[in-house]
Amino acid sequence: MLEILMATMHRNKISDLNLEKKNITSKILIINQTSFNETQIEENKKMISYKGIGSSNSRNYAIEEASGEICLIADDDIVYLKEYEKIVLSAFEKNPNADIITFQIQCPDGTMFKSNYSKNEYWHNKRTILKCSSIEIAFKRKSIIDNNLKFDTEFGLGSKYRVHDEVIFLMDALNRGLKLKYIPTPIVIHPKESSGTNYIDHLIISKGAAFVRLFGNKACFYNIAFAVKKYKEYKMKYTFSKFLKLIFKGSMEYKQSHKI
């Protein structure tokens, strides 16, 4: 059985989400971070409202409360392709050794969300997971529970560091011996993001912290490489030295707080 785990905020009732327009036909568990505690159930739809903060806390709560054998991570701004349930379940049937499978995202106009999607399926490694998005991820809940795998609550929207919660989740999965597969098939629709990132101090600091969490002492090389690669995107707002100072600030802050 497939179950969608959707994160949302400040909803009063399930109907606020217009799930029918999102082509959702499978069981769904909605974690609603808001100002009150309440549980609503309508047929195969369940919404748990609680006074929580942060996307990673929401994901972890959903994993704990879910009952589906296969779980699919979702946000509240997506629409699923009509065959999504069949595609996901079939992928796990064909790949019984896979604990986690990532798929593709399609734009509303039918083009691909990422221009560099591989056309061939493959087993993930520590390099390939770096470009994965949360709404591409499906997993066997038992594998996640048995390995005590959780989203790091220091990372993600609403957390101390706002980026790379899904990549850290996948990296932790690899480090614990789980098998991760990529299937070159879209399952979900999401508008294409703007080509430029809205860089602010907190985002850059978060990047530096995330690189330490992911790569340990090798983070310094990733900091420099990232600063060089993204220079054209931030040069109107930051000098190279200022950007580098901020990203290393994040790395040092994380290392000091975790005694690395």
Protein backbone atom coordinates (compact mmCIF):
# COMPACT_ATOMS: atom_id res chain seq x y z
CA MET A 1 0.00 0.00 0.00
CA LEU A 2 1.23 3.46 -0.92
CA GLU A 3 0.81 6.39 1.46
CA ILE A 4 1.62 10.02 0.70
CA LEU A 5 3.25 11.97 3.53
CA MET A 6 2.44 15.63 2.97
CA ALA A 7 3.81 18.58 4.93
CA THR A 8 1.75 21.76 5.19
CA MET A 9 1.13 24.71 7.50
CA HIS A 10 -1.76 26.72 8.92
CA ARG A 11 -4.65 24.68 7.51
CA ASN A 12 -7.99 24.52 9.27
CA LYS A 13 -9.40 21.45 7.54
CA ILE A 14 -8.43 18.82 4.98
CA SER A 15 -10.53 20.40 2.23
CA ASP A 16 -8.30 23.49 2.36
CA LEU A 17 -5.70 21.51 0.40
CA ASN A 18 -7.90 20.69 -2.64
CA LEU A 19 -6.46 17.18 -2.83
CA GLU A 20 -8.69 16.19 -5.74
CA LYS A 21 -6.99 18.81 -7.93
CA LYS A 22 -3.64 17.29 -6.96
CA ASN A 23 -4.70 13.95 -8.51
CA ILE A 24 -4.22 12.18 -5.18
CA THR A 25 -5.94 8.80 -5.19
CA SER A 26 -3.91 6.89 -2.60
CA LYS A 27 -3.94 7.07 1.16
CA ILE A 28 -2.53 10.34 2.49
CA LEU A 29 -1.22 11.52 5.85
CA ILE A 30 -1.00 15.29 6.23
CA ILE A 31 1.16 16.86 8.93
CA ASN A 32 -0.14 20.38 9.52
CA GLN A 33 2.09 22.66 11.58
CA THR A 34 -0.17 25.28 13.09
CA SER A 35 -1.37 26.87 16.34
CA PHE A 36 -3.63 24.03 17.56
CA ASN A 37 -3.59 20.26 18.12
CA GLU A 38 -6.23 18.20 16.32
CA THR A 39 -6.66 15.07 14.20
CA GLN A 40 -9.12 14.92 11.30
CA ILE A 41 -9.96 11.78 9.31
CA GLU A 42 -11.97 11.59 6.08
CA GLU A 43 -11.97 8.19 4.36
CA ASN A 44 -8.35 7.56 3.32
CA LYS A 45 -7.25 11.07 4.30
CA LYS A 46 -5.83 11.94 7.72
CA MET A 47 -4.55 15.31 8.91
CA ILE A 48 -2.66 15.73 12.16
CA SER A 49 -2.43 19.36 13.24
CA TYR A 50 0.13 20.20 15.90
CA LYS A 51 2.22 23.04 17.26
CA GLY A 52 5.45 22.13 15.52
CA ILE A 53 8.09 24.01 13.58
CA GLY A 54 10.38 22.94 10.75
CA SER A 55 10.03 20.71 7.70
CA SER A 56 12.27 17.98 9.15
CA ASN A 57 10.15 17.73 12.29
CA SER A 58 7.10 17.40 10.05
CA ARG A 59 8.73 14.62 7.96
CA ASN A 60 9.78 12.69 11.07
CA TYR A 61 6.33 12.96 12.62
CA ALA A 62 4.81 11.68 9.37
CA ILE A 63 7.15 8.67 9.28
CA GLU A 64 6.22 7.80 12.87
CA GLU A 65 2.48 8.09 12.25
CA ALA A 66 2.34 6.51 8.79
CA SER A 67 1.04 3.00 8.17
CA GLY A 68 1.76 2.54 4.47
CA GLU A 69 4.31 -0.02 3.33
CA ILE A 70 5.62 2.43 0.71
CA CYS A 71 5.70 6.14 1.57
CA LEU A 72 6.01 9.08 -0.80
CA ILE A 73 7.24 12.46 0.42
CA ALA A 74 5.09 15.42 -0.60
CA ASP A 75 4.70 19.16 -0.13
CA ASP A 76 1.41 21.02 -0.43
CA ASP A 77 2.23 22.77 -3.73
CA ILE A 78 2.49 19.70 -5.97
CA VAL A 79 0.20 17.85 -8.39
CA TYR A 80 0.71 14.16 -9.14
CA LEU A 81 0.68 12.56 -12.55
CA LYS A 82 -2.35 10.30 -12.85
CA GLU A 83 -0.29 7.08 -12.98
CA TYR A 84 1.92 7.97 -9.99
CA GLU A 85 0.67 5.19 -7.71
CA LYS A 86 1.16 2.49 -10.32
CA ILE A 87 4.62 3.84 -11.25
CA VAL A 88 5.89 3.91 -7.66
CA LEU A 89 4.54 0.53 -6.60
CA SER A 90 5.74 -1.10 -9.82
CA ALA A 91 9.24 0.32 -9.30
CA PHE A 92 9.52 -1.28 -5.87
CA GLU A 93 8.14 -4.58 -7.19
CA LYS A 94 10.79 -4.61 -9.92
CA ASN A 95 13.54 -3.58 -7.49
CA PRO A 96 12.91 -5.62 -4.33
CA ASN A 97 16.35 -4.77 -2.92
CA ALA A 98 15.69 -1.03 -3.05
CA ASP A 99 14.90 0.65 0.25
CA ILE A 100 14.52 4.11 -1.30
CA ILE A 101 13.69 5.05 -4.90
CA THR A 102 13.89 8.54 -6.36
CA PHE A 103 11.91 9.57 -9.42
CA GLN A 104 11.60 12.70 -11.57
CA ILE A 105 9.65 15.95 -11.39
CA GLN A 106 7.79 17.34 -14.40
CA CYS A 107 6.90 20.99 -15.02
CA PRO A 108 3.31 22.05 -15.76
CA ASP A 109 4.18 22.54 -19.44
CA GLY A 110 5.40 18.95 -19.75
CA THR A 111 9.12 19.70 -19.72
CA MET A 112 11.44 18.23 -17.12
CA PHE A 113 12.05 20.10 -13.86
CA LYS A 114 15.80 19.40 -14.10
CA SER A 115 17.67 19.53 -17.40
CA ASN A 116 20.31 17.06 -16.24
CA TYR A 117 18.11 14.09 -15.36
CA SER A 118 19.73 10.86 -16.51
CA LYS A 119 17.71 8.83 -19.01
CA ASN A 120 19.04 5.62 -17.50
CA GLU A 121 18.20 4.12 -14.13
CA TYR A 122 21.01 3.55 -11.65
CA TRP A 123 21.88 2.85 -8.04
CA HIS A 124 22.60 6.03 -6.11
CA ASN A 125 25.96 6.86 -4.58
CA LYS A 126 27.19 9.79 -2.46
CA ARG A 127 27.60 11.93 -5.55
CA THR A 128 24.29 11.28 -7.30
CA ILE A 129 22.13 12.01 -4.24
CA LEU A 130 23.36 15.62 -4.12
CA LYS A 131 20.84 16.76 -6.73
CA CYS A 132 17.80 14.94 -5.32
CA SER A 133 14.68 16.82 -4.22
CA SER A 134 12.38 15.72 -1.40
CA ILE A 135 9.29 15.27 -3.60
CA GLU A 136 11.20 12.75 -5.76
CA ILE A 137 11.68 10.38 -2.81
CA ALA A 138 9.71 7.22 -2.03
CA PHE A 139 10.78 4.66 0.56
CA LYS A 140 9.94 1.45 2.35
CA ARG A 141 8.78 2.60 5.75
CA LYS A 142 10.05 -0.57 7.45
CA SER A 143 13.59 0.08 6.17
CA ILE A 144 13.50 3.60 7.57
CA ILE A 145 12.09 2.53 10.95
CA ASP A 146 14.38 -0.50 11.33
CA ASN A 147 17.46 1.65 10.70
CA ASN A 148 16.25 4.48 12.95
CA LEU A 149 16.66 6.84 10.02
CA LYS A 150 15.30 10.34 10.55
CA PHE A 151 15.53 13.78 9.00
CA ASP A 152 18.10 15.89 10.82
CA THR A 153 16.01 18.53 12.56
CA GLU A 154 18.81 21.09 12.42
CA PHE A 155 18.31 21.29 8.65
CA GLY A 156 15.40 22.20 6.39
CA LEU A 157 12.91 25.04 6.16
CA GLY A 158 12.05 26.43 9.56
CA SER A 159 15.16 24.91 11.15
CA LYS A 160 18.47 26.39 12.28
CA TYR A 161 19.98 25.67 8.85
CA ARG A 162 17.48 25.91 6.03
CA VAL A 163 18.93 23.64 3.31
CA HIS A 164 19.74 20.06 2.28
CA ASP A 165 17.57 18.15 4.74
CA GLU A 166 16.64 15.64 2.02
CA VAL A 167 20.25 15.15 0.87
CA ILE A 168 21.37 14.57 4.46
CA PHE A 169 18.55 12.04 4.86
CA LEU A 170 19.73 10.17 1.75
CA MET A 171 23.40 10.37 2.79
CA ASP A 172 22.53 8.91 6.19
CA ALA A 173 20.64 6.13 4.42
CA LEU A 174 23.68 5.26 2.30
CA ASN A 175 25.95 5.35 5.34
CA ARG A 176 23.67 2.84 7.07
CA GLY A 177 23.81 0.44 4.17
CA LEU A 178 20.43 1.09 2.59
CA LYS A 179 20.02 0.63 -1.15
CA LEU A 180 18.90 3.69 -3.14
CA LYS A 181 17.72 3.49 -6.76
CA TYR A 182 16.95 6.17 -9.36
CA ILE A 183 14.15 5.56 -11.87
CA PRO A 184 13.96 7.98 -14.85
CA THR A 185 10.20 8.42 -14.71
CA PRO A 186 8.26 11.53 -13.59
CA ILE A 187 5.60 11.09 -10.92
CA VAL A 188 4.90 14.65 -9.79
CA ILE A 189 4.37 18.11 -11.27
CA HIS A 190 5.95 21.25 -9.85
CA PRO A 191 6.62 24.67 -11.41
CA LYS A 192 10.20 25.21 -12.49
CA GLU A 193 12.22 27.28 -10.06
CA SER A 194 13.81 30.53 -11.14
CA SER A 195 17.32 30.15 -12.54
CA GLY A 196 18.83 32.28 -9.77
CA THR A 197 18.82 31.59 -6.06
CA ASN A 198 17.83 34.37 -3.70
CA TYR A 199 21.06 34.40 -1.72
CA ILE A 200 20.92 35.84 1.76
CA ASP A 201 23.37 35.51 4.66
CA HIS A 202 21.42 32.76 6.40
CA LEU A 203 21.20 30.63 3.25
CA ILE A 204 24.94 30.85 2.64
CA ILE A 205 25.75 30.07 6.28
CA SER A 206 23.37 27.10 6.08
CA LYS A 207 25.23 25.78 3.04
CA GLY A 208 28.51 25.82 4.95
CA ALA A 209 26.95 23.94 7.88
CA ALA A 210 25.35 21.38 5.57
CA PHE A 211 28.63 20.68 3.79
CA VAL A 212 30.25 19.80 7.14
CA ARG A 213 27.28 17.59 8.05
CA LEU A 214 27.60 15.81 4.71
CA PHE A 215 31.36 15.71 4.11
CA GLY A 216 33.10 16.35 7.42
CA ASN A 217 36.54 17.92 7.10
CA LYS A 218 36.30 17.83 3.30
CA ALA A 219 33.68 20.59 3.55
CA CYS A 220 36.31 23.29 2.93
CA PHE A 221 36.79 22.04 -0.63
CA TYR A 222 33.03 22.01 -1.23
CA ASN A 223 32.74 25.54 0.19
CA ILE A 224 35.32 26.87 -2.26
CA ALA A 225 33.96 24.91 -5.22
CA PHE A 226 30.42 26.11 -4.51
CA ALA A 227 31.54 29.74 -4.16
CA VAL A 228 33.32 29.56 -7.51
CA LYS A 229 30.50 27.73 -9.31
CA LYS A 230 27.74 30.07 -8.14
CA TYR A 231 29.67 33.34 -8.50
CA LYS A 232 27.55 34.61 -11.41
CA GLU A 233 24.39 34.11 -9.34
CA TYR A 234 25.50 36.12 -6.31
CA LYS A 235 28.06 38.59 -7.66
CA MET A 236 25.59 41.49 -7.77
CA LYS A 237 25.00 41.12 -4.03
CA TYR A 238 28.18 39.62 -2.58
CA THR A 239 31.87 39.79 -3.38
CA PHE A 240 33.61 36.44 -3.69
CA SER A 241 35.47 37.01 -0.41
CA LYS A 242 32.29 37.98 1.45
CA PHE A 243 30.47 34.90 0.16
CA LEU A 244 33.39 32.68 1.13
CA LYS A 245 33.52 34.26 4.59
CA LEU A 246 29.84 33.50 5.18
CA ILE A 247 29.95 29.91 3.96
CA PHE A 248 33.01 29.17 6.10
CA LYS A 249 31.26 30.86 9.03
CA GLY A 250 28.50 28.26 8.71
CA SER A 251 31.03 25.43 8.57
CA MET A 252 32.94 26.65 11.61
CA GLU A 253 29.76 27.30 13.58
CA TYR A 254 28.53 23.75 12.93
CA LYS A 255 31.93 22.19 13.72
CA GLN A 256 32.21 24.07 16.99
CA SER A 257 28.69 23.24 18.15
CA HIS A 258 29.22 19.55 17.33
CA LYS A 259 32.88 19.40 18.43
CA ILE A 260 34.08 18.18 15.04
